[in-house]
Amino acid sequence: MAPTILIVGATGNTGRSVVSTLSDFTQKPNHHVASYRLVAQTRSASSDAAKQLASLPNVSILEKNWIDITSDWLRENEVTKVFIASHNEPTAFSEESQFHVVALNGGVKHIVRISTTAANVRPHFRAYYPRTHWAIETMLDTKEFKGMMWTSLQPNVFTSIVLANAVTLVKEYRKTGKQQPLSLISPKDVGVGIIDPNDVGTFAAYVLASENPEVHNGMRYVLNGPEDISGQGIVDLVEREIGAKVEHVVYKDLSWLDDLAQGPHKALTLSIKSAVETSWEGKCGTDTTSKEAIGIWAPKTTPAQAFKGYLEG
């Protein structure tokens, strides 16, 4: 059996471009990963996204919950490289840490994982999920895990999240000619280096496909898009598309989290409001991008390009 790269969360925001980029690499005879097979994990092989990935060269679909993957399965399938984009639910640490233990004991040589905004990955951060990523990275940095290389990608907030309401306004305006209030999580005048999730996945694929993974071991790569954009910049994008002035804008709007904050984890959900404060303070601009990351593969999708893509999608 050929050595295998496992992509956990293959049909998610970042996973799809990981798979497609690696698939392209395997079609180049002299490429380092040309001899690898790609296994794309998903919970539903019948989804449109999974079917699309299955059509790519050298890609097979694994319909399985990733937390059920065992060390024996990894060894039997000769998995030596793994990409994982875990969720941000309250169980994230217990489940992702378990996976890394399984991978270590399953002979995996290199894991590339998705973290979160670098300015937030601290042990005392008020939002809960960045602390999860800090804990995972700290665990992987211990001597007990020296037998497995790891790389953590710390991308800024995704374009798909920041631009979502602006896209909805334009689409509805095209249908009805009427505007709804534009609610933005962005501040009016502070630029943030939002990043297209496809660019994050492509970057991850370049790291996974490296012929010398040792240079990426223990690295925390801070990733931003190529341009900063403020809330006013998003308004400008909308106005160019609809040919009219936006009538009502609410900046720094996190009221939607109040609706999500239900059940036993209400306090944790509400703590997410703190996650955007670093960007409001100007700490998440493109100037924070890791210099090493630019030399590996520089994210290319501008906010305007991402916005146009969502409108056409």
C-alpha atoms as a PDB file:
ATOM      1  CA  MET A   1       0.000   0.000   0.000  1.00  0.00           C
ATOM      2  CA  ALA A   2       1.218   3.519  -0.782  1.00  0.00           C
ATOM      3  CA  PRO A   3       1.885   6.030   2.003  1.00  0.00           C
ATOM      4  CA  THR A   4      -1.244   7.998   2.802  1.00  0.00           C
ATOM      5  CA  ILE A   5      -2.215  11.566   3.616  1.00  0.00           C
ATOM      6  CA  LEU A   6      -5.414  11.731   5.677  1.00  0.00           C
ATOM      7  CA  ILE A   7      -7.487  14.912   5.441  1.00  0.00           C
ATOM      8  CA  VAL A   8      -9.793  15.198   8.467  1.00  0.00           C
ATOM      9  CA  GLY A   9     -12.721  17.504   7.799  1.00  0.00           C
ATOM     10  CA  ALA A  10     -12.242  17.234   4.051  1.00  0.00           C
ATOM     11  CA  THR A  11     -15.596  18.775   3.132  1.00  0.00           C
ATOM     12  CA  GLY A  12     -15.259  21.721   5.507  1.00  0.00           C
ATOM     13  CA  ASN A  13     -14.252  25.327   4.903  1.00  0.00           C
ATOM     14  CA  THR A  14     -10.539  24.627   4.568  1.00  0.00           C
ATOM     15  CA  GLY A  15     -10.486  20.891   3.861  1.00  0.00           C
ATOM     16  CA  ARG A  16     -11.743  21.032   0.301  1.00  0.00           C
ATOM     17  CA  SER A  17      -8.842  23.126  -0.964  1.00  0.00           C
ATOM     18  CA  VAL A  18      -6.392  20.923   0.971  1.00  0.00           C
ATOM     19  CA  VAL A  19      -7.679  17.913  -0.952  1.00  0.00           C
ATOM     20  CA  SER A  20      -7.836  19.587  -4.365  1.00  0.00           C
ATOM     21  CA  THR A  21      -4.353  21.103  -4.044  1.00  0.00           C
ATOM     22  CA  LEU A  22      -2.804  17.824  -2.908  1.00  0.00           C
ATOM     23  CA  SER A  23      -4.614  16.009  -5.704  1.00  0.00           C
ATOM     24  CA  ASP A  24      -2.983  18.368  -8.211  1.00  0.00           C
ATOM     25  CA  PHE A  25       0.418  17.676  -6.640  1.00  0.00           C
ATOM     26  CA  THR A  26      -0.006  13.907  -7.002  1.00  0.00           C
ATOM     27  CA  GLN A  27      -0.420  14.354 -10.761  1.00  0.00           C
ATOM     28  CA  LYS A  28       3.089  15.785 -11.086  1.00  0.00           C
ATOM     29  CA  PRO A  29       5.424  12.790 -11.570  1.00  0.00           C
ATOM     30  CA  ASN A  30       8.427  14.364  -9.859  1.00  0.00           C
ATOM     31  CA  HIS A  31       6.534  15.868  -6.943  1.00  0.00           C
ATOM     32  CA  HIS A  32       7.302  14.693  -3.413  1.00  0.00           C
ATOM     33  CA  VAL A  33       3.722  13.454  -2.819  1.00  0.00           C
ATOM     34  CA  ALA A  34       3.201  11.898  -6.255  1.00  0.00           C
ATOM     35  CA  SER A  35       3.399   8.429  -4.702  1.00  0.00           C
ATOM     36  CA  TYR A  36       0.909   9.196  -1.922  1.00  0.00           C
ATOM     37  CA  ARG A  37      -2.742   8.300  -1.850  1.00  0.00           C
ATOM     38  CA  LEU A  38      -5.201  10.796  -0.410  1.00  0.00           C
ATOM     39  CA  VAL A  39      -7.978   9.816   1.983  1.00  0.00           C
ATOM     40  CA  ALA A  40     -10.638  12.478   2.533  1.00  0.00           C
ATOM     41  CA  GLN A  41     -12.596  11.954   5.749  1.00  0.00           C
ATOM     42  CA  THR A  42     -16.221  13.047   5.918  1.00  0.00           C
ATOM     43  CA  ARG A  43     -19.278  12.056   7.901  1.00  0.00           C
ATOM     44  CA  SER A  44     -21.354  11.803   4.709  1.00  0.00           C
ATOM     45  CA  ALA A  45     -19.973  10.333   1.511  1.00  0.00           C
ATOM     46  CA  SER A  46     -23.260  11.163  -0.231  1.00  0.00           C
ATOM     47  CA  SER A  47     -22.940  14.939   0.152  1.00  0.00           C
ATOM     48  CA  ASP A  48     -22.309  17.038  -2.936  1.00  0.00           C
ATOM     49  CA  ALA A  49     -18.977  18.205  -1.532  1.00  0.00           C
ATOM     50  CA  ALA A  50     -17.823  14.621  -0.897  1.00  0.00           C
ATOM     51  CA  LYS A  51     -18.871  13.519  -4.382  1.00  0.00           C
ATOM     52  CA  GLN A  52     -16.926  16.386  -5.892  1.00  0.00           C
ATOM     53  CA  LEU A  53     -13.798  15.422  -3.955  1.00  0.00           C
ATOM     54  CA  ALA A  54     -14.229  11.765  -4.903  1.00  0.00           C
ATOM     55  CA  SER A  55     -14.027  12.761  -8.564  1.00  0.00           C
ATOM     56  CA  LEU A  56     -10.537  14.198  -8.121  1.00  0.00           C
ATOM     57  CA  PRO A  57      -7.470  12.141  -9.105  1.00  0.00           C
ATOM     58  CA  ASN A  58      -5.993   9.898  -6.412  1.00  0.00           C
ATOM     59  CA  VAL A  59      -8.679  10.747  -3.819  1.00  0.00           C
ATOM     60  CA  SER A  60     -10.731   8.201  -1.894  1.00  0.00           C
ATOM     61  CA  ILE A  61     -13.511   9.035   0.562  1.00  0.00           C
ATOM     62  CA  LEU A  62     -13.610   7.771   4.130  1.00  0.00           C
ATOM     63  CA  GLU A  63     -17.118   7.980   5.620  1.00  0.00           C
ATOM     64  CA  LYS A  64     -16.335   7.969   9.305  1.00  0.00           C
ATOM     65  CA  ASN A  65     -16.526  10.175  12.376  1.00  0.00           C
ATOM     66  CA  TRP A  66     -12.946  11.352  12.867  1.00  0.00           C
ATOM     67  CA  ILE A  67     -13.035  10.817  16.636  1.00  0.00           C
ATOM     68  CA  ASP A  68     -13.547   7.099  15.943  1.00  0.00           C
ATOM     69  CA  ILE A  69     -10.284   6.732  13.996  1.00  0.00           C
ATOM     70  CA  THR A  70      -7.869   4.403  15.800  1.00  0.00           C
ATOM     71  CA  SER A  71      -4.107   3.954  15.885  1.00  0.00           C
ATOM     72  CA  ASP A  72      -4.517   0.520  14.329  1.00  0.00           C
ATOM     73  CA  TRP A  73      -6.478   1.996  11.415  1.00  0.00           C
ATOM     74  CA  LEU A  74      -3.790   4.615  10.826  1.00  0.00           C
ATOM     75  CA  ARG A  75      -1.066   1.966  10.785  1.00  0.00           C
ATOM     76  CA  GLU A  76      -3.040  -0.395   8.550  1.00  0.00           C
ATOM     77  CA  ASN A  77      -3.572   2.396   6.035  1.00  0.00           C
ATOM     78  CA  GLU A  78       0.021   3.669   6.238  1.00  0.00           C
ATOM     79  CA  VAL A  79      -1.068   7.179   7.187  1.00  0.00           C
ATOM     80  CA  THR A  80       2.080   9.261   7.613  1.00  0.00           C
ATOM     81  CA  LYS A  81       0.702  12.790   7.143  1.00  0.00           C
ATOM     82  CA  VAL A  82      -2.542  14.293   8.485  1.00  0.00           C
ATOM     83  CA  PHE A  83      -4.475  17.515   8.094  1.00  0.00           C
ATOM     84  CA  ILE A  84      -7.072  18.253  10.759  1.00  0.00           C
ATOM     85  CA  ALA A  85      -9.529  21.120  11.091  1.00  0.00           C
ATOM     86  CA  SER A  86     -11.386  20.412  14.311  1.00  0.00           C
ATOM     87  CA  HIS A  87     -14.559  22.127  15.490  1.00  0.00           C
ATOM     88  CA  ASN A  88     -14.767  24.915  18.081  1.00  0.00           C
ATOM     89  CA  GLU A  89     -17.387  23.343  20.322  1.00  0.00           C
ATOM     90  CA  PRO A  90     -16.760  22.931  24.091  1.00  0.00           C
ATOM     91  CA  THR A  91     -15.599  19.317  23.536  1.00  0.00           C
ATOM     92  CA  ALA A  92     -12.867  20.390  21.109  1.00  0.00           C
ATOM     93  CA  PHE A  93      -9.910  19.869  23.452  1.00  0.00           C
ATOM     94  CA  SER A  94     -10.909  16.415  24.627  1.00  0.00           C
ATOM     95  CA  GLU A  95     -11.632  15.211  21.096  1.00  0.00           C
ATOM     96  CA  GLU A  96      -8.726  16.777  19.234  1.00  0.00           C
ATOM     97  CA  SER A  97      -6.204  15.918  21.941  1.00  0.00           C
ATOM     98  CA  GLN A  98      -7.428  12.318  21.801  1.00  0.00           C
ATOM     99  CA  PHE A  99      -6.879  12.314  18.044  1.00  0.00           C
ATOM    100  CA  HIS A 100      -3.298  13.521  18.435  1.00  0.00           C
ATOM    101  CA  VAL A 101      -2.587  10.774  20.970  1.00  0.00           C
ATOM    102  CA  VAL A 102      -4.059   8.250  18.520  1.00  0.00           C
ATOM    103  CA  ALA A 103      -1.937   9.699  15.708  1.00  0.00           C
ATOM    104  CA  LEU A 104       1.242   9.587  17.794  1.00  0.00           C
ATOM    105  CA  ASN A 105       0.658   5.928  18.609  1.00  0.00           C
ATOM    106  CA  GLY A 106      -0.426   5.205  15.045  1.00  0.00           C
ATOM    107  CA  GLY A 107       2.902   6.153  13.516  1.00  0.00           C
ATOM    108  CA  VAL A 108       1.868   9.476  11.958  1.00  0.00           C
ATOM    109  CA  LYS A 109       4.959  11.526  11.142  1.00  0.00           C
ATOM    110  CA  HIS A 110       3.502  14.992  10.567  1.00  0.00           C
ATOM    111  CA  ILE A 111       0.225  16.718  11.466  1.00  0.00           C
ATOM    112  CA  VAL A 112      -0.915  20.090  10.142  1.00  0.00           C
ATOM    113  CA  ARG A 113      -3.775  21.556  12.158  1.00  0.00           C
ATOM    114  CA  ILE A 114      -5.972  24.640  12.022  1.00  0.00           C
ATOM    115  CA  SER A 115      -5.787  26.924  15.038  1.00  0.00           C
ATOM    116  CA  THR A 116      -7.335  30.399  15.296  1.00  0.00           C
ATOM    117  CA  THR A 117      -6.430  34.096  15.269  1.00  0.00           C
ATOM    118  CA  ALA A 118      -2.891  34.358  16.632  1.00  0.00           C
ATOM    119  CA  ALA A 119      -3.560  37.359  18.886  1.00  0.00           C
ATOM    120  CA  ASN A 120      -6.137  35.282  20.774  1.00  0.00           C
ATOM    121  CA  VAL A 121      -4.180  32.060  21.364  1.00  0.00           C
ATOM    122  CA  ARG A 122      -3.331  32.679  25.001  1.00  0.00           C
ATOM    123  CA  PRO A 123      -3.986  30.742  28.227  1.00  0.00           C
ATOM    124  CA  HIS A 124      -5.940  33.602  29.811  1.00  0.00           C
ATOM    125  CA  PHE A 125      -7.978  34.739  26.821  1.00  0.00           C
ATOM    126  CA  ARG A 126     -11.595  35.451  27.750  1.00  0.00           C
ATOM    127  CA  ALA A 127     -13.180  33.607  24.813  1.00  0.00           C
ATOM    128  CA  TYR A 128     -13.002  29.884  25.484  1.00  0.00           C
ATOM    129  CA  TYR A 129     -12.025  28.350  22.150  1.00  0.00           C
ATOM    130  CA  PRO A 130      -8.677  30.146  21.640  1.00  0.00           C
ATOM    131  CA  ARG A 131      -7.629  28.663  24.988  1.00  0.00           C
ATOM    132  CA  THR A 132      -8.412  25.251  23.503  1.00  0.00           C
ATOM    133  CA  HIS A 133      -5.982  25.906  20.662  1.00  0.00           C
ATOM    134  CA  TRP A 134      -3.355  27.196  23.115  1.00  0.00           C
ATOM    135  CA  ALA A 135      -3.739  23.987  25.122  1.00  0.00           C
ATOM    136  CA  ILE A 136      -3.446  21.744  22.050  1.00  0.00           C
ATOM    137  CA  GLU A 137      -0.340  23.562  20.821  1.00  0.00           C
ATOM    138  CA  THR A 138       1.212  23.436  24.286  1.00  0.00           C
ATOM    139  CA  MET A 139       0.511  19.701  24.496  1.00  0.00           C
ATOM    140  CA  LEU A 140       2.086  19.043  21.095  1.00  0.00           C
ATOM    141  CA  ASP A 141       5.143  21.035  22.178  1.00  0.00           C
ATOM    142  CA  THR A 142       5.972  18.645  25.024  1.00  0.00           C
ATOM    143  CA  LYS A 143       8.753  16.057  24.978  1.00  0.00           C
ATOM    144  CA  GLU A 144       6.140  13.290  24.991  1.00  0.00           C
ATOM    145  CA  PHE A 145       5.163  14.271  21.435  1.00  0.00           C
ATOM    146  CA  LYS A 146       8.677  14.608  20.038  1.00  0.00           C
ATOM    147  CA  GLY A 147       8.068  11.528  17.922  1.00  0.00           C
ATOM    148  CA  MET A 148       5.506  13.343  15.753  1.00  0.00           C
ATOM    149  CA  MET A 149       6.096  16.589  13.880  1.00  0.00           C
ATOM    150  CA  TRP A 150       3.327  19.161  13.982  1.00  0.00           C
ATOM    151  CA  THR A 151       2.473  22.525  12.470  1.00  0.00           C
ATOM    152  CA  SER A 152      -0.257  24.868  13.639  1.00  0.00           C
ATOM    153  CA  LEU A 153      -1.839  27.368  11.256  1.00  0.00           C
ATOM    154  CA  GLN A 154      -3.228  30.477  12.973  1.00  0.00           C
ATOM    155  CA  PRO A 155      -5.473  32.084  10.359  1.00  0.00           C
ATOM    156  CA  ASN A 156      -7.345  35.309  10.846  1.00  0.00           C
ATOM    157  CA  VAL A 157     -11.139  35.345  10.717  1.00  0.00           C
ATOM    158  CA  PHE A 158     -12.524  33.939   7.468  1.00  0.00           C
ATOM    159  CA  THR A 159     -13.937  36.101   4.682  1.00  0.00           C
ATOM    160  CA  SER A 160     -16.997  33.848   4.615  1.00  0.00           C
ATOM    161  CA  ILE A 161     -17.891  34.949   8.155  1.00  0.00           C
ATOM    162  CA  VAL A 162     -17.067  38.648   7.935  1.00  0.00           C
ATOM    163  CA  LEU A 163     -18.708  39.193   4.530  1.00  0.00           C
ATOM    164  CA  ALA A 164     -21.769  36.969   5.008  1.00  0.00           C
ATOM    165  CA  ASN A 165     -24.298  39.687   5.869  1.00  0.00           C
ATOM    166  CA  ALA A 166     -23.009  41.970   3.138  1.00  0.00           C
ATOM    167  CA  VAL A 167     -23.470  39.185   0.590  1.00  0.00           C
ATOM    168  CA  THR A 168     -27.004  38.551   1.859  1.00  0.00           C
ATOM    169  CA  LEU A 169     -27.904  42.235   1.540  1.00  0.00           C
ATOM    170  CA  VAL A 170     -26.736  42.407  -2.074  1.00  0.00           C
ATOM    171  CA  LYS A 171     -28.524  39.205  -3.072  1.00  0.00           C
ATOM    172  CA  GLU A 172     -31.773  40.330  -1.457  1.00  0.00           C
ATOM    173  CA  TYR A 173     -31.493  43.809  -2.989  1.00  0.00           C
ATOM    174  CA  ARG A 174     -31.090  42.260  -6.436  1.00  0.00           C
ATOM    175  CA  LYS A 175     -34.323  40.327  -5.884  1.00  0.00           C
ATOM    176  CA  THR A 176     -36.498  42.942  -4.207  1.00  0.00           C
ATOM    177  CA  GLY A 177     -34.859  46.340  -4.683  1.00  0.00           C
ATOM    178  CA  LYS A 178     -35.099  46.827  -0.926  1.00  0.00           C
ATOM    179  CA  GLN A 179     -32.389  46.989   1.714  1.00  0.00           C
ATOM    180  CA  GLN A 180     -32.239  45.305   5.066  1.00  0.00           C
ATOM    181  CA  PRO A 181     -29.980  46.781   7.794  1.00  0.00           C
ATOM    182  CA  LEU A 182     -26.347  45.792   7.270  1.00  0.00           C
ATOM    183  CA  SER A 183     -25.004  44.152  10.428  1.00  0.00           C
ATOM    184  CA  LEU A 184     -21.213  43.792  10.550  1.00  0.00           C
ATOM    185  CA  ILE A 185     -18.895  42.345  13.178  1.00  0.00           C
ATOM    186  CA  SER A 186     -16.185  44.650  11.843  1.00  0.00           C
ATOM    187  CA  PRO A 187     -15.344  48.072  13.294  1.00  0.00           C
ATOM    188  CA  LYS A 188     -15.925  51.010  10.978  1.00  0.00           C
ATOM    189  CA  ASP A 189     -12.384  52.308  10.611  1.00  0.00           C
ATOM    190  CA  VAL A 190      -9.978  49.538  11.698  1.00  0.00           C
ATOM    191  CA  GLY A 191      -8.532  47.259   9.030  1.00  0.00           C
ATOM    192  CA  VAL A 192      -8.445  43.490   9.564  1.00  0.00           C
ATOM    193  CA  GLY A 193      -6.582  40.943   7.434  1.00  0.00           C
ATOM    194  CA  ILE A 194      -9.515  38.606   6.813  1.00  0.00           C
ATOM    195  CA  ILE A 195      -8.578  35.476   4.866  1.00  0.00           C
ATOM    196  CA  ASP A 196     -10.312  33.224   2.386  1.00  0.00           C
ATOM    197  CA  PRO A 197     -10.619  29.692   3.863  1.00  0.00           C
ATOM    198  CA  ASN A 198      -9.592  28.216   0.497  1.00  0.00           C
ATOM    199  CA  ASP A 199      -6.287  30.052   0.813  1.00  0.00           C
ATOM    200  CA  VAL A 200      -5.782  28.555   4.268  1.00  0.00           C
ATOM    201  CA  GLY A 201      -6.393  25.069   2.865  1.00  0.00           C
ATOM    202  CA  THR A 202      -4.013  25.655  -0.026  1.00  0.00           C
ATOM    203  CA  PHE A 203      -1.320  26.827   2.385  1.00  0.00           C
ATOM    204  CA  ALA A 204      -1.855  23.710   4.509  1.00  0.00           C
ATOM    205  CA  ALA A 205      -1.427  21.530   1.430  1.00  0.00           C
ATOM    206  CA  TYR A 206       1.909  23.171   0.629  1.00  0.00           C
ATOM    207  CA  VAL A 207       3.129  22.461   4.164  1.00  0.00           C
ATOM    208  CA  LEU A 208       1.924  18.849   4.029  1.00  0.00           C
ATOM    209  CA  ALA A 209       3.572  18.339   0.653  1.00  0.00           C
ATOM    210  CA  SER A 210       6.922  19.665   1.795  1.00  0.00           C
ATOM    211  CA  GLU A 211       9.866  17.436   1.037  1.00  0.00           C
ATOM    212  CA  ASN A 212      11.506  18.663   4.254  1.00  0.00           C
ATOM    213  CA  PRO A 213       8.747  18.719   6.892  1.00  0.00           C
ATOM    214  CA  GLU A 214      11.325  19.243   9.628  1.00  0.00           C
ATOM    215  CA  VAL A 215      11.448  22.962   8.792  1.00  0.00           C
ATOM    216  CA  HIS A 216       7.750  23.207   9.705  1.00  0.00           C
ATOM    217  CA  ASN A 217       7.973  21.230  12.943  1.00  0.00           C
ATOM    218  CA  GLY A 218       6.627  23.185  15.901  1.00  0.00           C
ATOM    219  CA  MET A 219       5.847  26.206  13.761  1.00  0.00           C
ATOM    220  CA  ARG A 220       2.851  28.419  14.342  1.00  0.00           C
ATOM    221  CA  TYR A 221       2.187  30.213  11.066  1.00  0.00           C
ATOM    222  CA  VAL A 222       0.111  33.390  11.313  1.00  0.00           C
ATOM    223  CA  LEU A 223      -2.015  33.731   8.172  1.00  0.00           C
ATOM    224  CA  ASN A 224      -3.872  36.774   6.861  1.00  0.00           C
ATOM    225  CA  GLY A 225      -5.264  37.669   3.479  1.00  0.00           C
ATOM    226  CA  PRO A 226      -3.293  39.996   1.185  1.00  0.00           C
ATOM    227  CA  GLU A 227      -5.258  43.138   2.136  1.00  0.00           C
ATOM    228  CA  ASP A 228      -6.800  44.631   5.251  1.00  0.00           C
ATOM    229  CA  ILE A 229     -10.430  45.715   5.140  1.00  0.00           C
ATOM    230  CA  SER A 230     -12.477  47.778   7.570  1.00  0.00           C
ATOM    231  CA  GLY A 231     -16.214  47.879   8.109  1.00  0.00           C
ATOM    232  CA  GLN A 232     -16.369  50.978   5.925  1.00  0.00           C
ATOM    233  CA  GLY A 233     -14.482  49.052   3.251  1.00  0.00           C
ATOM    234  CA  ILE A 234     -17.168  46.353   3.321  1.00  0.00           C
ATOM    235  CA  VAL A 235     -19.862  49.007   2.994  1.00  0.00           C
ATOM    236  CA  ASP A 236     -18.006  50.364  -0.032  1.00  0.00           C
ATOM    237  CA  LEU A 237     -18.044  46.898  -1.639  1.00  0.00           C
ATOM    238  CA  VAL A 238     -21.802  46.655  -1.117  1.00  0.00           C
ATOM    239  CA  GLU A 239     -22.501  50.115  -2.510  1.00  0.00           C
ATOM    240  CA  ARG A 240     -20.507  49.389  -5.655  1.00  0.00           C
ATOM    241  CA  GLU A 241     -22.549  46.243  -6.231  1.00  0.00           C
ATOM    242  CA  ILE A 242     -26.015  47.723  -5.644  1.00  0.00           C
ATOM    243  CA  GLY A 243     -25.322  51.155  -7.090  1.00  0.00           C
ATOM    244  CA  ALA A 244     -26.878  52.856  -4.084  1.00  0.00           C
ATOM    245  CA  LYS A 245     -25.920  54.088  -0.644  1.00  0.00           C
ATOM    246  CA  VAL A 246     -26.319  51.609   2.207  1.00  0.00           C
ATOM    247  CA  GLU A 247     -29.132  53.043   4.298  1.00  0.00           C
ATOM    248  CA  HIS A 248     -28.372  51.577   7.730  1.00  0.00           C
ATOM    249  CA  VAL A 249     -25.175  49.999   9.054  1.00  0.00           C
ATOM    250  CA  VAL A 250     -24.517  48.523  12.480  1.00  0.00           C
ATOM    251  CA  TYR A 251     -20.809  48.065  13.165  1.00  0.00           C
ATOM    252  CA  LYS A 252     -19.371  45.773  15.850  1.00  0.00           C
ATOM    253  CA  ASP A 253     -22.662  43.888  15.993  1.00  0.00           C
ATOM    254  CA  LEU A 254     -22.492  40.670  18.004  1.00  0.00           C
ATOM    255  CA  SER A 255     -26.176  40.435  18.896  1.00  0.00           C
ATOM    256  CA  TRP A 256     -26.480  37.184  16.925  1.00  0.00           C
ATOM    257  CA  LEU A 257     -24.450  35.464  19.648  1.00  0.00           C
ATOM    258  CA  ASP A 258     -27.225  36.205  22.135  1.00  0.00           C
ATOM    259  CA  ASP A 259     -29.546  34.060  20.022  1.00  0.00           C
ATOM    260  CA  LEU A 260     -27.018  31.211  19.933  1.00  0.00           C
ATOM    261  CA  ALA A 261     -26.372  31.277  23.661  1.00  0.00           C
ATOM    262  CA  GLN A 262     -28.755  28.571  24.811  1.00  0.00           C
ATOM    263  CA  GLY A 263     -28.511  25.507  27.044  1.00  0.00           C
ATOM    264  CA  PRO A 264     -25.717  24.419  29.395  1.00  0.00           C
ATOM    265  CA  HIS A 265     -22.943  26.164  27.451  1.00  0.00           C
ATOM    266  CA  LYS A 266     -24.521  29.623  27.399  1.00  0.00           C
ATOM    267  CA  ALA A 267     -21.623  31.300  29.217  1.00  0.00           C
ATOM    268  CA  LEU A 268     -19.071  29.761  26.859  1.00  0.00           C
ATOM    269  CA  THR A 269     -20.995  30.874  23.786  1.00  0.00           C
ATOM    270  CA  LEU A 270     -21.282  34.425  25.107  1.00  0.00           C
ATOM    271  CA  SER A 271     -17.536  34.457  25.791  1.00  0.00           C
ATOM    272  CA  ILE A 272     -16.996  34.375  22.008  1.00  0.00           C
ATOM    273  CA  LYS A 273     -17.844  38.081  22.000  1.00  0.00           C
ATOM    274  CA  SER A 274     -14.361  38.681  23.374  1.00  0.00           C
ATOM    275  CA  ALA A 275     -12.752  37.006  20.354  1.00  0.00           C
ATOM    276  CA  VAL A 276     -13.225  40.044  18.099  1.00  0.00           C
ATOM    277  CA  GLU A 277     -11.782  42.594  20.501  1.00  0.00           C
ATOM    278  CA  THR A 278      -8.205  42.077  19.318  1.00  0.00           C
ATOM    279  CA  SER A 279      -9.254  42.871  15.740  1.00  0.00           C
ATOM    280  CA  TRP A 280     -11.176  45.944  16.900  1.00  0.00           C
ATOM    281  CA  GLU A 281      -7.970  47.069  18.630  1.00  0.00           C
ATOM    282  CA  GLY A 282      -5.978  46.809  15.374  1.00  0.00           C
ATOM    283  CA  LYS A 283      -3.988  43.722  16.375  1.00  0.00           C
ATOM    284  CA  CYS A 284      -5.048  41.506  13.451  1.00  0.00           C
ATOM    285  CA  GLY A 285      -3.822  43.281  10.354  1.00  0.00           C
ATOM    286  CA  THR A 286      -1.817  41.872   7.470  1.00  0.00           C
ATOM    287  CA  ASP A 287       1.356  43.144   9.138  1.00  0.00           C
ATOM    288  CA  THR A 288       1.084  40.225  11.596  1.00  0.00           C
ATOM    289  CA  THR A 289       1.467  37.564   8.864  1.00  0.00           C
ATOM    290  CA  SER A 290       4.428  35.258   9.505  1.00  0.00           C
ATOM    291  CA  LYS A 291       7.331  36.130   7.225  1.00  0.00           C
ATOM    292  CA  GLU A 292       8.056  32.414   6.810  1.00  0.00           C
ATOM    293  CA  ALA A 293       4.502  31.867   5.581  1.00  0.00           C
ATOM    294  CA  ILE A 294       4.940  34.274   2.684  1.00  0.00           C
ATOM    295  CA  GLY A 295       7.853  32.188   1.467  1.00  0.00           C
ATOM    296  CA  ILE A 296       5.815  28.983   1.538  1.00  0.00           C
ATOM    297  CA  TRP A 297       2.677  30.174  -0.278  1.00  0.00           C
ATOM    298  CA  ALA A 298       1.252  33.659   0.061  1.00  0.00           C
ATOM    299  CA  PRO A 299      -2.567  33.877   0.377  1.00  0.00           C
ATOM    300  CA  LYS A 300      -3.878  35.612  -2.737  1.00  0.00           C
ATOM    301  CA  THR A 301      -7.632  36.227  -2.450  1.00  0.00           C
ATOM    302  CA  THR A 302      -8.482  39.852  -1.691  1.00  0.00           C
ATOM    303  CA  PRO A 303     -11.672  40.768   0.193  1.00  0.00           C
ATOM    304  CA  ALA A 304     -13.152  42.155  -3.029  1.00  0.00           C
ATOM    305  CA  GLN A 305     -12.415  38.911  -4.893  1.00  0.00           C
ATOM    306  CA  ALA A 306     -13.905  36.816  -2.101  1.00  0.00           C
ATOM    307  CA  PHE A 307     -16.999  39.051  -2.025  1.00  0.00           C
ATOM    308  CA  LYS A 308     -17.490  38.703  -5.770  1.00  0.00           C
ATOM    309  CA  GLY A 309     -17.058  34.931  -5.498  1.00  0.00           C
ATOM    310  CA  TYR A 310     -19.723  34.611  -2.811  1.00  0.00           C
ATOM    311  CA  LEU A 311     -22.141  36.687  -4.863  1.00  0.00           C
ATOM    312  CA  GLU A 312     -21.621  34.436  -7.879  1.00  0.00           C
ATOM    313  CA  GLY A 313     -21.792  31.220  -5.871  1.00  0.00           C
END
